[in-house]
Amino acid sequence: MFHHIPKAILDRMRELEETDTRDRQDGTPHLKRLRQIPPETGKTLAFIAASAPKNGAWLEIGTSAGYSTLWLSLAARACGAKIFTFELLPDKAALARETFKKAKVEDVVELKNGDARGHIEDYGEIALGFLDCEKEMYQEVYERLTPHLVPGGLFIVDNAVSHETELASFLTNVENDESIDSIIIPVGKGLLVCRKL
């Protein structure tokens, strides 16, 4: 999965990494910034995603320009899966479309410009979910998505360490949910990894 990453994917990853670095340094407004995961989180995400159950949909909520989706696409190709990724903001969705075209991953990625919360149930059984969007949406997305996880299904959430105070109530609710096991991996901004029992 990591030994032979296609050049088109690597090139687009580098472009997005450079843009993200600039956004964080030049005062780009918060909502306009890419706000993407760092490379080490992407690699961890792909590694974990590759162990998702074979049956069930893969959903990503919060596409931004598609950087995390590129990492997920490596696992999707290895597993024969397809990622349905949701982005609310039209300008970010346009960037993501450009990303998927340039990186040549449109065969394993389908972009949805809209609010995932109204569509999670459309996918029936879910094998993998990745959440990286506005933090006030986390609890609602969790409540809508986790009942649809297949046994052994994975739900991965970013910012579990960097926004620990803001997400304290959410993280406590997850820890107390007896339908899943969960762990926080201190990579990047912190990945909360949940596995359906």
C-alpha atoms as a PDB file:
ATOM      1  CA  MET A   1       0.000   0.000   0.000  1.00  0.00           C
ATOM      2  CA  PHE A   2       2.792   2.451   0.908  1.00  0.00           C
ATOM      3  CA  HIS A   3       5.604   0.987  -1.205  1.00  0.00           C
ATOM      4  CA  HIS A   4       4.128   1.914  -4.572  1.00  0.00           C
ATOM      5  CA  ILE A   5       2.037   5.052  -4.127  1.00  0.00           C
ATOM      6  CA  PRO A   6       1.238   6.359  -7.632  1.00  0.00           C
ATOM      7  CA  LYS A   7       3.124   9.503  -8.644  1.00  0.00           C
ATOM      8  CA  ALA A   8      -0.139  11.369  -9.380  1.00  0.00           C
ATOM      9  CA  ILE A   9      -1.236  10.868  -5.759  1.00  0.00           C
ATOM     10  CA  LEU A  10       2.156  11.822  -4.321  1.00  0.00           C
ATOM     11  CA  ASP A  11       2.304  14.968  -6.476  1.00  0.00           C
ATOM     12  CA  ARG A  12      -1.139  16.148  -5.386  1.00  0.00           C
ATOM     13  CA  MET A  13      -0.357  15.339  -1.749  1.00  0.00           C
ATOM     14  CA  ARG A  14       2.736  17.557  -1.932  1.00  0.00           C
ATOM     15  CA  GLU A  15       0.738  20.405  -3.494  1.00  0.00           C
ATOM     16  CA  LEU A  16      -1.872  20.223  -0.741  1.00  0.00           C
ATOM     17  CA  GLU A  17       0.770  19.947   1.998  1.00  0.00           C
ATOM     18  CA  GLU A  18       2.442  23.121   0.696  1.00  0.00           C
ATOM     19  CA  THR A  19      -0.893  24.962   0.487  1.00  0.00           C
ATOM     20  CA  ASP A  20      -1.852  23.867   4.001  1.00  0.00           C
ATOM     21  CA  THR A  21       1.487  25.076   5.384  1.00  0.00           C
ATOM     22  CA  ARG A  22       1.023  28.466   3.681  1.00  0.00           C
ATOM     23  CA  ASP A  23      -2.565  28.742   4.957  1.00  0.00           C
ATOM     24  CA  ARG A  24      -1.379  28.256   8.532  1.00  0.00           C
ATOM     25  CA  GLN A  25       1.358  30.892   8.199  1.00  0.00           C
ATOM     26  CA  ASP A  26      -0.173  33.686   6.127  1.00  0.00           C
ATOM     27  CA  GLY A  27      -3.321  34.473   8.089  1.00  0.00           C
ATOM     28  CA  THR A  28      -5.783  32.776   5.730  1.00  0.00           C
ATOM     29  CA  PRO A  29      -9.222  32.900   7.444  1.00  0.00           C
ATOM     30  CA  HIS A  30     -10.115  29.739   9.390  1.00  0.00           C
ATOM     31  CA  LEU A  31     -12.915  28.534   7.081  1.00  0.00           C
ATOM     32  CA  LYS A  32     -10.854  29.197   3.945  1.00  0.00           C
ATOM     33  CA  ARG A  33      -7.844  27.196   5.171  1.00  0.00           C
ATOM     34  CA  LEU A  34      -7.490  23.560   4.107  1.00  0.00           C
ATOM     35  CA  ARG A  35      -7.152  22.471   7.757  1.00  0.00           C
ATOM     36  CA  GLN A  36      -6.062  19.006   6.679  1.00  0.00           C
ATOM     37  CA  ILE A  37      -4.487  16.182   8.621  1.00  0.00           C
ATOM     38  CA  PRO A  38      -0.667  15.939   8.677  1.00  0.00           C
ATOM     39  CA  PRO A  39       1.061  13.195   6.647  1.00  0.00           C
ATOM     40  CA  GLU A  40       1.727  10.984   9.676  1.00  0.00           C
ATOM     41  CA  THR A  41      -1.998  10.996  10.471  1.00  0.00           C
ATOM     42  CA  GLY A  42      -2.806  10.174   6.853  1.00  0.00           C
ATOM     43  CA  LYS A  43      -0.522   7.170   6.856  1.00  0.00           C
ATOM     44  CA  THR A  44      -1.954   5.940  10.164  1.00  0.00           C
ATOM     45  CA  LEU A  45      -5.484   6.463   8.861  1.00  0.00           C
ATOM     46  CA  ALA A  46      -4.796   4.405   5.728  1.00  0.00           C
ATOM     47  CA  PHE A  47      -3.136   1.658   7.757  1.00  0.00           C
ATOM     48  CA  ILE A  48      -6.139   1.368  10.096  1.00  0.00           C
ATOM     49  CA  ALA A  49      -8.684   1.659   7.268  1.00  0.00           C
ATOM     50  CA  ALA A  50      -7.110  -1.301   5.480  1.00  0.00           C
ATOM     51  CA  SER A  51      -8.301  -3.519   8.354  1.00  0.00           C
ATOM     52  CA  ALA A  52     -11.962  -2.488   8.024  1.00  0.00           C
ATOM     53  CA  PRO A  53     -14.451  -5.314   7.442  1.00  0.00           C
ATOM     54  CA  LYS A  54     -15.036  -6.271   3.798  1.00  0.00           C
ATOM     55  CA  ASN A  55     -18.801  -5.653   3.874  1.00  0.00           C
ATOM     56  CA  GLY A  56     -20.190  -2.146   4.290  1.00  0.00           C
ATOM     57  CA  ALA A  57     -19.731   1.360   2.905  1.00  0.00           C
ATOM     58  CA  TRP A  58     -16.805   3.693   3.549  1.00  0.00           C
ATOM     59  CA  LEU A  59     -17.818   7.247   4.502  1.00  0.00           C
ATOM     60  CA  GLU A  60     -15.674  10.326   5.049  1.00  0.00           C
ATOM     61  CA  ILE A  61     -17.288  13.396   6.570  1.00  0.00           C
ATOM     62  CA  GLY A  62     -15.297  16.565   5.975  1.00  0.00           C
ATOM     63  CA  THR A  63     -13.403  16.292   2.680  1.00  0.00           C
ATOM     64  CA  SER A  64     -11.786  19.746   2.528  1.00  0.00           C
ATOM     65  CA  ALA A  65      -9.485  19.578  -0.533  1.00  0.00           C
ATOM     66  CA  GLY A  66      -9.310  15.787  -0.424  1.00  0.00           C
ATOM     67  CA  TYR A  67      -5.944  15.185   1.257  1.00  0.00           C
ATOM     68  CA  SER A  68      -7.191  12.634   3.806  1.00  0.00           C
ATOM     69  CA  THR A  69      -9.260  11.041   1.038  1.00  0.00           C
ATOM     70  CA  LEU A  70      -6.074  10.390  -0.937  1.00  0.00           C
ATOM     71  CA  TRP A  71      -4.673   8.415   1.990  1.00  0.00           C
ATOM     72  CA  LEU A  72      -7.965   6.548   2.345  1.00  0.00           C
ATOM     73  CA  SER A  73      -7.923   5.815  -1.389  1.00  0.00           C
ATOM     74  CA  LEU A  74      -4.748   3.763  -0.924  1.00  0.00           C
ATOM     75  CA  ALA A  75      -6.557   1.511   1.554  1.00  0.00           C
ATOM     76  CA  ALA A  76      -9.708   1.462  -0.570  1.00  0.00           C
ATOM     77  CA  ARG A  77      -7.761   0.225  -3.604  1.00  0.00           C
ATOM     78  CA  ALA A  78      -6.039  -2.428  -1.511  1.00  0.00           C
ATOM     79  CA  CYS A  79      -9.392  -3.609  -0.113  1.00  0.00           C
ATOM     80  CA  GLY A  80     -11.595  -3.245  -3.177  1.00  0.00           C
ATOM     81  CA  ALA A  81     -13.687  -0.555  -1.450  1.00  0.00           C
ATOM     82  CA  LYS A  82     -15.089   2.822  -2.525  1.00  0.00           C
ATOM     83  CA  ILE A  83     -15.108   6.015  -0.439  1.00  0.00           C
ATOM     84  CA  PHE A  84     -18.109   8.324  -0.315  1.00  0.00           C
ATOM     85  CA  THR A  85     -16.839  11.660   0.951  1.00  0.00           C
ATOM     86  CA  PHE A  86     -18.962  14.633   2.041  1.00  0.00           C
ATOM     87  CA  GLU A  87     -17.972  18.317   1.939  1.00  0.00           C
ATOM     88  CA  LEU A  88     -20.341  21.139   2.883  1.00  0.00           C
ATOM     89  CA  LEU A  89     -18.466  24.117   1.426  1.00  0.00           C
ATOM     90  CA  PRO A  90     -18.722  24.504  -2.369  1.00  0.00           C
ATOM     91  CA  ASP A  91     -15.229  26.014  -2.763  1.00  0.00           C
ATOM     92  CA  LYS A  92     -13.654  23.121  -0.863  1.00  0.00           C
ATOM     93  CA  ALA A  93     -15.711  20.609  -2.859  1.00  0.00           C
ATOM     94  CA  ALA A  94     -14.374  22.191  -6.074  1.00  0.00           C
ATOM     95  CA  LEU A  95     -10.800  21.799  -4.781  1.00  0.00           C
ATOM     96  CA  ALA A  96     -11.532  18.186  -3.868  1.00  0.00           C
ATOM     97  CA  ARG A  97     -12.857  17.454  -7.376  1.00  0.00           C
ATOM     98  CA  GLU A  98      -9.621  18.872  -8.768  1.00  0.00           C
ATOM     99  CA  THR A  99      -7.640  16.707  -6.325  1.00  0.00           C
ATOM    100  CA  PHE A 100      -9.405  13.492  -7.267  1.00  0.00           C
ATOM    101  CA  LYS A 101      -9.031  14.181 -10.990  1.00  0.00           C
ATOM    102  CA  LYS A 102      -5.339  15.086 -10.758  1.00  0.00           C
ATOM    103  CA  ALA A 103      -4.576  12.145  -8.464  1.00  0.00           C
ATOM    104  CA  LYS A 104      -6.567   9.732 -10.665  1.00  0.00           C
ATOM    105  CA  VAL A 105      -8.603   8.260  -7.812  1.00  0.00           C
ATOM    106  CA  GLU A 106     -12.098   8.891  -9.186  1.00  0.00           C
ATOM    107  CA  ASP A 107     -12.561   5.120  -9.565  1.00  0.00           C
ATOM    108  CA  VAL A 108     -12.503   4.673  -5.764  1.00  0.00           C
ATOM    109  CA  VAL A 109     -13.794   8.068  -4.572  1.00  0.00           C
ATOM    110  CA  GLU A 110     -17.229   9.653  -4.927  1.00  0.00           C
ATOM    111  CA  LEU A 111     -17.592  13.243  -3.731  1.00  0.00           C
ATOM    112  CA  LYS A 112     -20.871  14.529  -2.300  1.00  0.00           C
ATOM    113  CA  ASN A 113     -21.238  18.311  -1.897  1.00  0.00           C
ATOM    114  CA  GLY A 114     -23.645  18.575   1.029  1.00  0.00           C
ATOM    115  CA  ASP A 115     -24.357  17.742   4.663  1.00  0.00           C
ATOM    116  CA  ALA A 116     -23.646  14.086   5.418  1.00  0.00           C
ATOM    117  CA  ARG A 117     -25.970  14.093   8.408  1.00  0.00           C
ATOM    118  CA  GLY A 118     -29.007  13.760   6.156  1.00  0.00           C
ATOM    119  CA  HIS A 119     -27.525  10.884   4.156  1.00  0.00           C
ATOM    120  CA  ILE A 120     -25.684   8.530   6.516  1.00  0.00           C
ATOM    121  CA  GLU A 121     -28.691   6.198   6.750  1.00  0.00           C
ATOM    122  CA  ASP A 122     -28.772   5.911   2.933  1.00  0.00           C
ATOM    123  CA  TYR A 123     -25.697   3.687   3.019  1.00  0.00           C
ATOM    124  CA  GLY A 124     -27.158   0.940   5.195  1.00  0.00           C
ATOM    125  CA  GLU A 125     -24.268  -1.001   6.686  1.00  0.00           C
ATOM    126  CA  ILE A 126     -21.032   0.914   7.207  1.00  0.00           C
ATOM    127  CA  ALA A 127     -17.581  -0.667   7.471  1.00  0.00           C
ATOM    128  CA  LEU A 128     -15.572   2.535   7.913  1.00  0.00           C
ATOM    129  CA  GLY A 129     -16.263   6.116   8.872  1.00  0.00           C
ATOM    130  CA  PHE A 130     -13.773   8.978   9.126  1.00  0.00           C
ATOM    131  CA  LEU A 131     -14.862  12.261  10.709  1.00  0.00           C
ATOM    132  CA  ASP A 132     -12.931  15.534  10.435  1.00  0.00           C
ATOM    133  CA  CYS A 133     -15.321  18.475  10.304  1.00  0.00           C
ATOM    134  CA  GLU A 134     -16.701  21.192  12.584  1.00  0.00           C
ATOM    135  CA  LYS A 135     -16.465  19.934  16.152  1.00  0.00           C
ATOM    136  CA  GLU A 136     -20.055  20.813  17.062  1.00  0.00           C
ATOM    137  CA  MET A 137     -21.172  18.129  14.576  1.00  0.00           C
ATOM    138  CA  TYR A 138     -19.179  15.288  16.145  1.00  0.00           C
ATOM    139  CA  GLN A 139     -21.783  14.002  18.616  1.00  0.00           C
ATOM    140  CA  GLU A 140     -24.640  14.056  16.102  1.00  0.00           C
ATOM    141  CA  VAL A 141     -22.590  12.322  13.408  1.00  0.00           C
ATOM    142  CA  TYR A 142     -21.473   9.712  15.928  1.00  0.00           C
ATOM    143  CA  GLU A 143     -25.067   9.034  16.991  1.00  0.00           C
ATOM    144  CA  ARG A 144     -26.207   8.706  13.381  1.00  0.00           C
ATOM    145  CA  LEU A 145     -23.295   6.642  12.079  1.00  0.00           C
ATOM    146  CA  THR A 146     -22.279   4.156  14.776  1.00  0.00           C
ATOM    147  CA  PRO A 147     -25.607   2.248  14.833  1.00  0.00           C
ATOM    148  CA  HIS A 148     -24.933   1.394  11.168  1.00  0.00           C
ATOM    149  CA  LEU A 149     -21.415   0.047  11.735  1.00  0.00           C
ATOM    150  CA  VAL A 150     -21.097  -3.639  10.968  1.00  0.00           C
ATOM    151  CA  PRO A 151     -19.501  -5.830  13.664  1.00  0.00           C
ATOM    152  CA  GLY A 152     -15.817  -4.912  13.652  1.00  0.00           C
ATOM    153  CA  GLY A 153     -16.624  -1.707  11.755  1.00  0.00           C
ATOM    154  CA  LEU A 154     -14.346   1.261  12.381  1.00  0.00           C
ATOM    155  CA  PHE A 155     -15.178   4.890  13.115  1.00  0.00           C
ATOM    156  CA  ILE A 156     -12.155   7.196  13.232  1.00  0.00           C
ATOM    157  CA  VAL A 157     -12.302  10.787  14.463  1.00  0.00           C
ATOM    158  CA  ASP A 158      -9.589  13.440  14.150  1.00  0.00           C
ATOM    159  CA  ASN A 159      -8.660  16.154  16.702  1.00  0.00           C
ATOM    160  CA  ALA A 160      -9.180  13.992  19.791  1.00  0.00           C
ATOM    161  CA  VAL A 161      -6.052  15.453  21.453  1.00  0.00           C
ATOM    162  CA  SER A 162      -5.814  18.961  19.949  1.00  0.00           C
ATOM    163  CA  HIS A 163      -9.471  19.727  20.807  1.00  0.00           C
ATOM    164  CA  GLU A 164      -9.715  17.547  23.913  1.00  0.00           C
ATOM    165  CA  THR A 165     -11.308  20.275  26.045  1.00  0.00           C
ATOM    166  CA  GLU A 166     -13.849  21.248  23.396  1.00  0.00           C
ATOM    167  CA  LEU A 167     -14.682  17.584  22.765  1.00  0.00           C
ATOM    168  CA  ALA A 168     -14.644  16.487  26.430  1.00  0.00           C
ATOM    169  CA  SER A 169     -18.344  15.622  26.614  1.00  0.00           C
ATOM    170  CA  PHE A 170     -18.244  13.802  23.270  1.00  0.00           C
ATOM    171  CA  LEU A 171     -15.142  11.806  24.234  1.00  0.00           C
ATOM    172  CA  THR A 172     -16.741  10.804  27.555  1.00  0.00           C
ATOM    173  CA  ASN A 173     -19.886   9.656  25.755  1.00  0.00           C
ATOM    174  CA  VAL A 174     -17.818   7.530  23.391  1.00  0.00           C
ATOM    175  CA  GLU A 175     -15.826   6.009  26.239  1.00  0.00           C
ATOM    176  CA  ASN A 176     -19.073   5.064  27.993  1.00  0.00           C
ATOM    177  CA  ASP A 177     -20.693   3.564  24.865  1.00  0.00           C
ATOM    178  CA  GLU A 178     -20.811  -0.183  25.532  1.00  0.00           C
ATOM    179  CA  SER A 179     -21.469  -0.985  21.855  1.00  0.00           C
ATOM    180  CA  ILE A 180     -17.910  -0.080  20.891  1.00  0.00           C
ATOM    181  CA  ASP A 181     -14.305  -0.268  22.028  1.00  0.00           C
ATOM    182  CA  SER A 182     -12.294   2.919  21.590  1.00  0.00           C
ATOM    183  CA  ILE A 183      -8.757   4.183  21.905  1.00  0.00           C
ATOM    184  CA  ILE A 184      -7.030   7.518  21.273  1.00  0.00           C
ATOM    185  CA  ILE A 185      -3.837   7.303  19.217  1.00  0.00           C
ATOM    186  CA  PRO A 186      -1.586  10.341  19.847  1.00  0.00           C
ATOM    187  CA  VAL A 187      -0.553  10.887  16.241  1.00  0.00           C
ATOM    188  CA  GLY A 188      -0.970  14.325  14.636  1.00  0.00           C
ATOM    189  CA  LYS A 189      -3.864  16.016  16.409  1.00  0.00           C
ATOM    190  CA  GLY A 190      -5.004  12.725  17.915  1.00  0.00           C
ATOM    191  CA  LEU A 191      -7.115   9.985  16.320  1.00  0.00           C
ATOM    192  CA  LEU A 192     -10.027   8.496  18.227  1.00  0.00           C
ATOM    193  CA  VAL A 193     -10.471   4.981  16.835  1.00  0.00           C
ATOM    194  CA  CYS A 194     -13.739   3.165  17.587  1.00  0.00           C
ATOM    195  CA  ARG A 195     -14.494  -0.464  16.762  1.00  0.00           C
ATOM    196  CA  LYS A 196     -18.056  -1.814  16.792  1.00  0.00           C
ATOM    197  CA  LEU A 197     -18.527  -4.851  19.035  1.00  0.00           C
END
